[in-house]
């Protein structure tokens, strides 16, 4: 079953974005460096039209560095401008802004007008706060914190923060699962057992050594149920009578992955794109 999570304000935000996009000299599309394809709204190209756009692969510090390099090479080969940064790092956000100013065609006396767009929970507001040097935009580790366009300014730029906008039906299921595991979808619209099972299978198949190190396993079993029970036991996810609370164990696993506590992980590679269409 595909996940559907398209709150009413997202439809309004889409219309607002269409009407206000012409203000910008340049668009920063913030995507999650761990899932650069799945975290890119397929409607963005239509909305941006002929305005210059740069993909910012945020959360670079918790993404697999080898996979991120492959994505940057992929975007370069496809004539798309892209940078990988950690939004909390002012030096890296400054580098992104300086790049924007270098490539933007405008009167030198004018400010650079930058519009920041992307799906929920990719770190748009964190990046903006890092750029302007203060907590100007609301942030939070839950999707859809920003509900309206917000304008901030520095000496050289005007920067517009926009609400995170998904699309009405998230499909195929693999793409929906990746988005749910990464935190782009509200917990009210996902099943922690389903998303947890997907996440654990992904880790077993792609990053078994990180699982082994984080949860101190001697070896990784192919039995997913056994692994999550062991994780639950090690982390004290217990119900009355000592029974393992599987959902709580999955919630803990997902949250630790989102926070980068398992290590640097990427959910998809350029060669996976056809699987996620």
C-alpha atoms as a PDB file:
ATOM      1  CA  UNK A   1       0.000   0.000   0.000  1.00  0.00           C
ATOM      2  CA  UNK A   2       1.378   3.414  -0.961  1.00  0.00           C
ATOM      3  CA  UNK A   3       1.666   6.156   1.641  1.00  0.00           C
ATOM      4  CA  UNK A   4      -0.544   9.203   1.139  1.00  0.00           C
ATOM      5  CA  UNK A   5       0.311  12.275   3.198  1.00  0.00           C
ATOM      6  CA  UNK A   6      -0.698  15.578   1.657  1.00  0.00           C
ATOM      7  CA  UNK A   7      -2.062  17.929   4.360  1.00  0.00           C
ATOM      8  CA  UNK A   8      -4.324  20.766   3.175  1.00  0.00           C
ATOM      9  CA  UNK A   9      -1.669  23.395   3.753  1.00  0.00           C
ATOM     10  CA  UNK A  10       0.631  21.654   1.231  1.00  0.00           C
ATOM     11  CA  UNK A  11      -1.851  22.231  -1.595  1.00  0.00           C
ATOM     12  CA  UNK A  12      -2.106  25.908  -0.604  1.00  0.00           C
ATOM     13  CA  UNK A  13       1.689  26.124  -0.368  1.00  0.00           C
ATOM     14  CA  UNK A  14       2.076  24.701  -3.869  1.00  0.00           C
ATOM     15  CA  UNK A  15      -0.130  27.440  -5.284  1.00  0.00           C
ATOM     16  CA  UNK A  16       1.713  30.074  -3.267  1.00  0.00           C
ATOM     17  CA  UNK A  17       5.033  28.796  -4.547  1.00  0.00           C
ATOM     18  CA  UNK A  18       3.854  28.920  -8.164  1.00  0.00           C
ATOM     19  CA  UNK A  19       2.771  32.539  -7.701  1.00  0.00           C
ATOM     20  CA  UNK A  20       5.920  33.712  -5.916  1.00  0.00           C
ATOM     21  CA  UNK A  21       8.671  31.854  -7.777  1.00  0.00           C
ATOM     22  CA  UNK A  22       9.287  34.780 -10.132  1.00  0.00           C
ATOM     23  CA  UNK A  23      10.751  36.815  -7.237  1.00  0.00           C
ATOM     24  CA  UNK A  24      13.884  34.673  -7.246  1.00  0.00           C
ATOM     25  CA  UNK A  25      17.141  35.024  -9.174  1.00  0.00           C
ATOM     26  CA  UNK A  26      18.063  31.514  -8.153  1.00  0.00           C
ATOM     27  CA  UNK A  27      16.407  28.473  -6.574  1.00  0.00           C
ATOM     28  CA  UNK A  28      18.047  26.294  -3.946  1.00  0.00           C
ATOM     29  CA  UNK A  29      16.344  22.911  -3.947  1.00  0.00           C
ATOM     30  CA  UNK A  30      17.266  21.252  -0.661  1.00  0.00           C
ATOM     31  CA  UNK A  31      17.332  17.470  -0.856  1.00  0.00           C
ATOM     32  CA  UNK A  32      18.493  14.884   1.661  1.00  0.00           C
ATOM     33  CA  UNK A  33      22.013  13.733   0.735  1.00  0.00           C
ATOM     34  CA  UNK A  34      21.037  10.186   1.805  1.00  0.00           C
ATOM     35  CA  UNK A  35      18.235  10.064  -0.794  1.00  0.00           C
ATOM     36  CA  UNK A  36      18.793  12.801  -3.405  1.00  0.00           C
ATOM     37  CA  UNK A  37      16.342  11.336  -5.900  1.00  0.00           C
ATOM     38  CA  UNK A  38      13.510  10.285  -3.598  1.00  0.00           C
ATOM     39  CA  UNK A  39      13.642  13.574  -1.656  1.00  0.00           C
ATOM     40  CA  UNK A  40      13.246  15.682  -4.802  1.00  0.00           C
ATOM     41  CA  UNK A  41       9.653  16.730  -5.548  1.00  0.00           C
ATOM     42  CA  UNK A  42       8.948  15.697  -9.179  1.00  0.00           C
ATOM     43  CA  UNK A  43       6.856  18.860  -9.654  1.00  0.00           C
ATOM     44  CA  UNK A  44       9.794  21.192  -8.947  1.00  0.00           C
ATOM     45  CA  UNK A  45      11.053  21.268 -12.543  1.00  0.00           C
ATOM     46  CA  UNK A  46       7.668  22.455 -13.797  1.00  0.00           C
ATOM     47  CA  UNK A  47       7.390  25.107 -11.100  1.00  0.00           C
ATOM     48  CA  UNK A  48      10.909  26.485 -11.500  1.00  0.00           C
ATOM     49  CA  UNK A  49      10.582  26.809 -15.279  1.00  0.00           C
ATOM     50  CA  UNK A  50      13.607  28.757 -16.573  1.00  0.00           C
ATOM     51  CA  UNK A  51      14.916  30.002 -13.225  1.00  0.00           C
ATOM     52  CA  UNK A  52      18.445  28.892 -12.356  1.00  0.00           C
ATOM     53  CA  UNK A  53      18.365  26.029  -9.834  1.00  0.00           C
ATOM     54  CA  UNK A  54      20.969  24.346  -7.647  1.00  0.00           C
ATOM     55  CA  UNK A  55      20.458  21.082  -5.808  1.00  0.00           C
ATOM     56  CA  UNK A  56      21.816  21.248  -2.266  1.00  0.00           C
ATOM     57  CA  UNK A  57      22.489  17.772  -0.879  1.00  0.00           C
ATOM     58  CA  UNK A  58      22.021  18.533   2.810  1.00  0.00           C
ATOM     59  CA  UNK A  59      22.869  16.276   5.790  1.00  0.00           C
ATOM     60  CA  UNK A  60      26.085  15.353   4.028  1.00  0.00           C
ATOM     61  CA  UNK A  61      27.656  14.562   7.407  1.00  0.00           C
ATOM     62  CA  UNK A  62      25.393  11.519   7.914  1.00  0.00           C
ATOM     63  CA  UNK A  63      25.369  10.284   4.290  1.00  0.00           C
ATOM     64  CA  UNK A  64      27.727   7.664   2.883  1.00  0.00           C
ATOM     65  CA  UNK A  65      30.567   9.783   1.389  1.00  0.00           C
ATOM     66  CA  UNK A  66      31.291   7.425  -1.508  1.00  0.00           C
ATOM     67  CA  UNK A  67      27.617   7.409  -2.523  1.00  0.00           C
ATOM     68  CA  UNK A  68      27.370  11.204  -2.235  1.00  0.00           C
ATOM     69  CA  UNK A  69      30.331  11.561  -4.593  1.00  0.00           C
ATOM     70  CA  UNK A  70      28.574   9.263  -7.057  1.00  0.00           C
ATOM     71  CA  UNK A  71      25.479  11.495  -6.884  1.00  0.00           C
ATOM     72  CA  UNK A  72      27.483  14.662  -7.469  1.00  0.00           C
ATOM     73  CA  UNK A  73      29.111  13.029 -10.508  1.00  0.00           C
ATOM     74  CA  UNK A  74      25.669  11.932 -11.729  1.00  0.00           C
ATOM     75  CA  UNK A  75      24.227  15.449 -11.492  1.00  0.00           C
ATOM     76  CA  UNK A  76      27.290  16.917 -13.208  1.00  0.00           C
ATOM     77  CA  UNK A  77      26.973  14.412 -16.060  1.00  0.00           C
ATOM     78  CA  UNK A  78      23.310  15.437 -16.423  1.00  0.00           C
ATOM     79  CA  UNK A  79      24.095  19.180 -16.464  1.00  0.00           C
ATOM     80  CA  UNK A  80      22.523  19.816 -13.066  1.00  0.00           C
ATOM     81  CA  UNK A  81      24.295  22.071 -10.602  1.00  0.00           C
ATOM     82  CA  UNK A  82      24.692  20.402  -7.202  1.00  0.00           C
ATOM     83  CA  UNK A  83      26.595  20.881  -3.941  1.00  0.00           C
ATOM     84  CA  UNK A  84      26.804  18.639  -0.870  1.00  0.00           C
ATOM     85  CA  UNK A  85      26.823  20.455   2.479  1.00  0.00           C
ATOM     86  CA  UNK A  86      26.006  20.118   6.159  1.00  0.00           C
ATOM     87  CA  UNK A  87      23.413  22.817   6.802  1.00  0.00           C
ATOM     88  CA  UNK A  88      24.429  23.339  10.424  1.00  0.00           C
ATOM     89  CA  UNK A  89      27.940  24.310   9.329  1.00  0.00           C
ATOM     90  CA  UNK A  90      28.134  28.084   8.593  1.00  0.00           C
ATOM     91  CA  UNK A  91      31.312  27.675   6.514  1.00  0.00           C
ATOM     92  CA  UNK A  92      29.591  25.226   4.200  1.00  0.00           C
ATOM     93  CA  UNK A  93      26.400  27.294   3.846  1.00  0.00           C
ATOM     94  CA  UNK A  94      28.547  30.363   3.145  1.00  0.00           C
ATOM     95  CA  UNK A  95      30.283  28.415   0.378  1.00  0.00           C
ATOM     96  CA  UNK A  96      26.891  27.590  -1.156  1.00  0.00           C
ATOM     97  CA  UNK A  97      25.758  31.227  -1.046  1.00  0.00           C
ATOM     98  CA  UNK A  98      29.013  32.496  -2.549  1.00  0.00           C
ATOM     99  CA  UNK A  99      28.547  30.000  -5.366  1.00  0.00           C
ATOM    100  CA  UNK A 100      24.993  31.287  -5.924  1.00  0.00           C
ATOM    101  CA  UNK A 101      26.238  34.871  -6.109  1.00  0.00           C
ATOM    102  CA  UNK A 102      28.965  33.959  -8.599  1.00  0.00           C
ATOM    103  CA  UNK A 103      26.645  32.275 -11.068  1.00  0.00           C
ATOM    104  CA  UNK A 104      23.593  34.563 -10.768  1.00  0.00           C
ATOM    105  CA  UNK A 105      23.069  37.027 -13.595  1.00  0.00           C
ATOM    106  CA  UNK A 106      21.907  40.345 -12.151  1.00  0.00           C
ATOM    107  CA  UNK A 107      22.899  43.951 -11.682  1.00  0.00           C
ATOM    108  CA  UNK A 108      25.834  44.040  -9.259  1.00  0.00           C
ATOM    109  CA  UNK A 109      24.076  46.710  -7.206  1.00  0.00           C
ATOM    110  CA  UNK A 110      21.099  44.420  -6.613  1.00  0.00           C
ATOM    111  CA  UNK A 111      20.752  41.837  -3.881  1.00  0.00           C
ATOM    112  CA  UNK A 112      20.713  38.186  -4.865  1.00  0.00           C
ATOM    113  CA  UNK A 113      17.186  36.871  -4.348  1.00  0.00           C
ATOM    114  CA  UNK A 114      17.307  33.226  -3.309  1.00  0.00           C
ATOM    115  CA  UNK A 115      14.271  30.988  -2.857  1.00  0.00           C
ATOM    116  CA  UNK A 116      14.761  27.837  -0.794  1.00  0.00           C
ATOM    117  CA  UNK A 117      12.433  24.966  -1.654  1.00  0.00           C
ATOM    118  CA  UNK A 118      12.177  21.257  -0.914  1.00  0.00           C
ATOM    119  CA  UNK A 119      10.134  18.525   0.709  1.00  0.00           C
ATOM    120  CA  UNK A 120       9.588  18.415   4.500  1.00  0.00           C
ATOM    121  CA  UNK A 121      12.446  17.777   6.921  1.00  0.00           C
ATOM    122  CA  UNK A 122      15.359  18.180   4.510  1.00  0.00           C
ATOM    123  CA  UNK A 123      16.763  21.012   6.630  1.00  0.00           C
ATOM    124  CA  UNK A 124      15.711  24.113   4.705  1.00  0.00           C
ATOM    125  CA  UNK A 125      15.184  26.285   7.772  1.00  0.00           C
ATOM    126  CA  UNK A 126      18.417  25.072   9.393  1.00  0.00           C
ATOM    127  CA  UNK A 127      20.347  26.128   6.294  1.00  0.00           C
ATOM    128  CA  UNK A 128      18.678  29.546   6.265  1.00  0.00           C
ATOM    129  CA  UNK A 129      19.455  30.120   9.942  1.00  0.00           C
ATOM    130  CA  UNK A 130      23.075  29.213   9.261  1.00  0.00           C
ATOM    131  CA  UNK A 131      23.204  31.663   6.346  1.00  0.00           C
ATOM    132  CA  UNK A 132      21.680  34.648   8.171  1.00  0.00           C
ATOM    133  CA  UNK A 133      23.510  33.893  11.407  1.00  0.00           C
ATOM    134  CA  UNK A 134      20.502  33.767  13.695  1.00  0.00           C
ATOM    135  CA  UNK A 135      17.389  31.704  14.408  1.00  0.00           C
ATOM    136  CA  UNK A 136      15.217  33.438  11.838  1.00  0.00           C
ATOM    137  CA  UNK A 137      13.338  30.398  10.514  1.00  0.00           C
ATOM    138  CA  UNK A 138      11.520  27.790  12.602  1.00  0.00           C
ATOM    139  CA  UNK A 139      13.221  24.418  12.808  1.00  0.00           C
ATOM    140  CA  UNK A 140      12.329  21.045  14.275  1.00  0.00           C
ATOM    141  CA  UNK A 141      13.015  17.357  13.825  1.00  0.00           C
ATOM    142  CA  UNK A 142       9.508  16.779  12.479  1.00  0.00           C
ATOM    143  CA  UNK A 143       8.238  17.414   8.951  1.00  0.00           C
ATOM    144  CA  UNK A 144       6.183  20.439   7.883  1.00  0.00           C
ATOM    145  CA  UNK A 145       7.311  22.952  10.528  1.00  0.00           C
ATOM    146  CA  UNK A 146       7.299  25.855   8.043  1.00  0.00           C
ATOM    147  CA  UNK A 147       3.734  26.654   6.955  1.00  0.00           C
ATOM    148  CA  UNK A 148       4.131  30.004   5.117  1.00  0.00           C
ATOM    149  CA  UNK A 149       6.744  31.774   3.010  1.00  0.00           C
ATOM    150  CA  UNK A 150       9.232  33.616   5.225  1.00  0.00           C
ATOM    151  CA  UNK A 151      11.629  36.318   4.008  1.00  0.00           C
ATOM    152  CA  UNK A 152      14.991  36.963   5.634  1.00  0.00           C
ATOM    153  CA  UNK A 153      17.701  39.388   4.557  1.00  0.00           C
ATOM    154  CA  UNK A 154      21.399  40.047   4.902  1.00  0.00           C
ATOM    155  CA  UNK A 155      23.489  42.815   3.378  1.00  0.00           C
ATOM    156  CA  UNK A 156      23.849  41.014   0.050  1.00  0.00           C
ATOM    157  CA  UNK A 157      20.881  38.656  -0.246  1.00  0.00           C
ATOM    158  CA  UNK A 158      17.160  38.278   0.245  1.00  0.00           C
ATOM    159  CA  UNK A 159      16.313  34.689   1.064  1.00  0.00           C
ATOM    160  CA  UNK A 160      12.850  33.147   1.065  1.00  0.00           C
ATOM    161  CA  UNK A 161      12.010  30.057   3.120  1.00  0.00           C
ATOM    162  CA  UNK A 162       9.072  28.075   1.757  1.00  0.00           C
ATOM    163  CA  UNK A 163       6.965  25.266   3.270  1.00  0.00           C
ATOM    164  CA  UNK A 164       8.010  21.695   2.612  1.00  0.00           C
ATOM    165  CA  UNK A 165       5.810  20.268  -0.121  1.00  0.00           C
ATOM    166  CA  UNK A 166       5.328  16.604  -0.951  1.00  0.00           C
ATOM    167  CA  UNK A 167       3.155  15.268  -3.764  1.00  0.00           C
ATOM    168  CA  UNK A 168      -0.301  13.689  -3.217  1.00  0.00           C
ATOM    169  CA  UNK A 169       0.528   9.986  -3.709  1.00  0.00           C
ATOM    170  CA  UNK A 170       3.970   8.676  -2.764  1.00  0.00           C
ATOM    171  CA  UNK A 171       4.817   5.843  -5.108  1.00  0.00           C
ATOM    172  CA  UNK A 172       6.261   3.365  -5.826  1.00  0.00           C
ATOM    173  CA  UNK A 173       6.278   1.809  -2.363  1.00  0.00           C
ATOM    174  CA  UNK A 174      10.084   1.734  -2.238  1.00  0.00           C
ATOM    175  CA  UNK A 175      10.209   5.507  -2.558  1.00  0.00           C
ATOM    176  CA  UNK A 176       7.538   5.916   0.121  1.00  0.00           C
ATOM    177  CA  UNK A 177       9.448   3.576   2.438  1.00  0.00           C
ATOM    178  CA  UNK A 178      12.680   5.534   1.974  1.00  0.00           C
ATOM    179  CA  UNK A 179      10.918   8.833   2.659  1.00  0.00           C
ATOM    180  CA  UNK A 180       9.259   7.426   5.794  1.00  0.00           C
ATOM    181  CA  UNK A 181      12.541   6.018   7.127  1.00  0.00           C
ATOM    182  CA  UNK A 182      14.361   9.315   6.541  1.00  0.00           C
ATOM    183  CA  UNK A 183      11.765  11.386   8.445  1.00  0.00           C
ATOM    184  CA  UNK A 184      10.120  13.246   5.556  1.00  0.00           C
ATOM    185  CA  UNK A 185       6.693  11.852   6.440  1.00  0.00           C
ATOM    186  CA  UNK A 186       4.851  12.571   9.684  1.00  0.00           C
ATOM    187  CA  UNK A 187       4.674   9.687  12.155  1.00  0.00           C
ATOM    188  CA  UNK A 188       0.862   9.888  12.009  1.00  0.00           C
ATOM    189  CA  UNK A 189       0.963   8.787   8.361  1.00  0.00           C
ATOM    190  CA  UNK A 190       3.323   5.850   8.725  1.00  0.00           C
ATOM    191  CA  UNK A 191       3.316   2.471  10.432  1.00  0.00           C
ATOM    192  CA  UNK A 192       6.448   2.117  12.578  1.00  0.00           C
ATOM    193  CA  UNK A 193       6.387  -1.665  12.271  1.00  0.00           C
ATOM    194  CA  UNK A 194       6.296  -1.543   8.453  1.00  0.00           C
ATOM    195  CA  UNK A 195       8.850   1.256   8.200  1.00  0.00           C
ATOM    196  CA  UNK A 196      11.018  -0.393  10.841  1.00  0.00           C
ATOM    197  CA  UNK A 197      10.973  -3.708   9.008  1.00  0.00           C
ATOM    198  CA  UNK A 198      11.976  -1.940   5.767  1.00  0.00           C
ATOM    199  CA  UNK A 199      14.758  -0.051   7.562  1.00  0.00           C
ATOM    200  CA  UNK A 200      16.161  -3.136   9.244  1.00  0.00           C
ATOM    201  CA  UNK A 201      16.117  -5.157   6.006  1.00  0.00           C
ATOM    202  CA  UNK A 202      17.895  -2.281   4.266  1.00  0.00           C
ATOM    203  CA  UNK A 203      20.600  -2.159   6.940  1.00  0.00           C
ATOM    204  CA  UNK A 204      21.072  -5.938   6.939  1.00  0.00           C
ATOM    205  CA  UNK A 205      21.554  -5.943   3.168  1.00  0.00           C
ATOM    206  CA  UNK A 206      23.612  -2.763   2.808  1.00  0.00           C
ATOM    207  CA  UNK A 207      25.261  -1.775   6.088  1.00  0.00           C
ATOM    208  CA  UNK A 208      25.531  -4.927   8.266  1.00  0.00           C
ATOM    209  CA  UNK A 209      28.807  -3.789   9.830  1.00  0.00           C
ATOM    210  CA  UNK A 210      27.217  -0.571  11.112  1.00  0.00           C
ATOM    211  CA  UNK A 211      24.404  -2.607  12.705  1.00  0.00           C
ATOM    212  CA  UNK A 212      26.959  -4.943  14.219  1.00  0.00           C
ATOM    213  CA  UNK A 213      29.001  -2.099  15.693  1.00  0.00           C
ATOM    214  CA  UNK A 214      26.098  -0.006  16.978  1.00  0.00           C
ATOM    215  CA  UNK A 215      24.277  -2.825  18.749  1.00  0.00           C
ATOM    216  CA  UNK A 216      27.350  -4.903  19.620  1.00  0.00           C
ATOM    217  CA  UNK A 217      26.452  -8.061  17.715  1.00  0.00           C
ATOM    218  CA  UNK A 218      29.049 -10.791  17.228  1.00  0.00           C
ATOM    219  CA  UNK A 219      27.511 -11.466  13.837  1.00  0.00           C
ATOM    220  CA  UNK A 220      24.440 -10.358  11.873  1.00  0.00           C
ATOM    221  CA  UNK A 221      21.723 -12.961  11.474  1.00  0.00           C
ATOM    222  CA  UNK A 222      19.528 -13.079   8.379  1.00  0.00           C
ATOM    223  CA  UNK A 223      16.535 -13.453  10.719  1.00  0.00           C
ATOM    224  CA  UNK A 224      15.044  -9.953  10.972  1.00  0.00           C
ATOM    225  CA  UNK A 225      12.732 -10.844  13.872  1.00  0.00           C
ATOM    226  CA  UNK A 226      15.613 -12.205  15.898  1.00  0.00           C
ATOM    227  CA  UNK A 227      17.687  -9.070  15.256  1.00  0.00           C
ATOM    228  CA  UNK A 228      14.986  -6.595  16.285  1.00  0.00           C
ATOM    229  CA  UNK A 229      14.249  -8.657  19.389  1.00  0.00           C
ATOM    230  CA  UNK A 230      17.931  -8.550  20.320  1.00  0.00           C
ATOM    231  CA  UNK A 231      18.063  -4.802  19.707  1.00  0.00           C
ATOM    232  CA  UNK A 232      14.954  -4.339  21.837  1.00  0.00           C
ATOM    233  CA  UNK A 233      16.477  -6.415  24.632  1.00  0.00           C
ATOM    234  CA  UNK A 234      19.781  -4.516  24.520  1.00  0.00           C
ATOM    235  CA  UNK A 235      17.969  -1.152  24.625  1.00  0.00           C
ATOM    236  CA  UNK A 236      15.403  -2.089  27.277  1.00  0.00           C
ATOM    237  CA  UNK A 237      12.378  -1.959  24.977  1.00  0.00           C
ATOM    238  CA  UNK A 238      10.312  -4.254  27.174  1.00  0.00           C
ATOM    239  CA  UNK A 239       6.671  -4.691  28.066  1.00  0.00           C
ATOM    240  CA  UNK A 240       5.359  -6.067  31.344  1.00  0.00           C
ATOM    241  CA  UNK A 241       6.571  -9.588  31.916  1.00  0.00           C
ATOM    242  CA  UNK A 242       9.790  -8.937  29.989  1.00  0.00           C
ATOM    243  CA  UNK A 243       8.276  -9.359  26.515  1.00  0.00           C
ATOM    244  CA  UNK A 244      10.036  -7.366  23.785  1.00  0.00           C
ATOM    245  CA  UNK A 245       8.135  -4.268  22.615  1.00  0.00           C
ATOM    246  CA  UNK A 246       8.814  -4.645  18.882  1.00  0.00           C
ATOM    247  CA  UNK A 247       7.246  -1.341  17.833  1.00  0.00           C
ATOM    248  CA  UNK A 248       9.223   0.579  20.427  1.00  0.00           C
ATOM    249  CA  UNK A 249      12.413  -1.157  19.272  1.00  0.00           C
ATOM    250  CA  UNK A 250      11.683  -0.213  15.657  1.00  0.00           C
ATOM    251  CA  UNK A 251      10.966   3.403  16.671  1.00  0.00           C
ATOM    252  CA  UNK A 252      14.304   3.535  18.455  1.00  0.00           C
ATOM    253  CA  UNK A 253      16.116   2.047  15.450  1.00  0.00           C
ATOM    254  CA  UNK A 254      14.527   4.542  13.044  1.00  0.00           C
ATOM    255  CA  UNK A 255      15.285   7.519  15.287  1.00  0.00           C
ATOM    256  CA  UNK A 256      18.906   6.471  15.748  1.00  0.00           C
ATOM    257  CA  UNK A 257      19.305   6.076  11.999  1.00  0.00           C
ATOM    258  CA  UNK A 258      17.767   9.518  11.356  1.00  0.00           C
ATOM    259  CA  UNK A 259      20.127  11.092  13.872  1.00  0.00           C
ATOM    260  CA  UNK A 260      23.173   9.500  12.260  1.00  0.00           C
ATOM    261  CA  UNK A 261      23.969   7.390  15.336  1.00  0.00           C
ATOM    262  CA  UNK A 262      24.406   4.226  13.273  1.00  0.00           C
ATOM    263  CA  UNK A 263      26.968   5.908  11.037  1.00  0.00           C
ATOM    264  CA  UNK A 264      27.001   7.419   7.549  1.00  0.00           C
ATOM    265  CA  UNK A 265      24.269   5.758   5.490  1.00  0.00           C
ATOM    266  CA  UNK A 266      22.735   6.449   2.070  1.00  0.00           C
ATOM    267  CA  UNK A 267      19.406   4.953   1.015  1.00  0.00           C
ATOM    268  CA  UNK A 268      19.884   5.070  -2.746  1.00  0.00           C
ATOM    269  CA  UNK A 269      22.518   5.251  -5.471  1.00  0.00           C
ATOM    270  CA  UNK A 270      22.242   6.759  -8.974  1.00  0.00           C
ATOM    271  CA  UNK A 271      21.852   3.282 -10.439  1.00  0.00           C
ATOM    272  CA  UNK A 272      18.727   2.786  -8.274  1.00  0.00           C
ATOM    273  CA  UNK A 273      16.758   5.604  -9.912  1.00  0.00           C
ATOM    274  CA  UNK A 274      14.652   3.372 -12.176  1.00  0.00           C
ATOM    275  CA  UNK A 275      13.511   1.382  -9.116  1.00  0.00           C
ATOM    276  CA  UNK A 276      12.096   4.577  -7.551  1.00  0.00           C
ATOM    277  CA  UNK A 277      10.248   5.999 -10.575  1.00  0.00           C
END
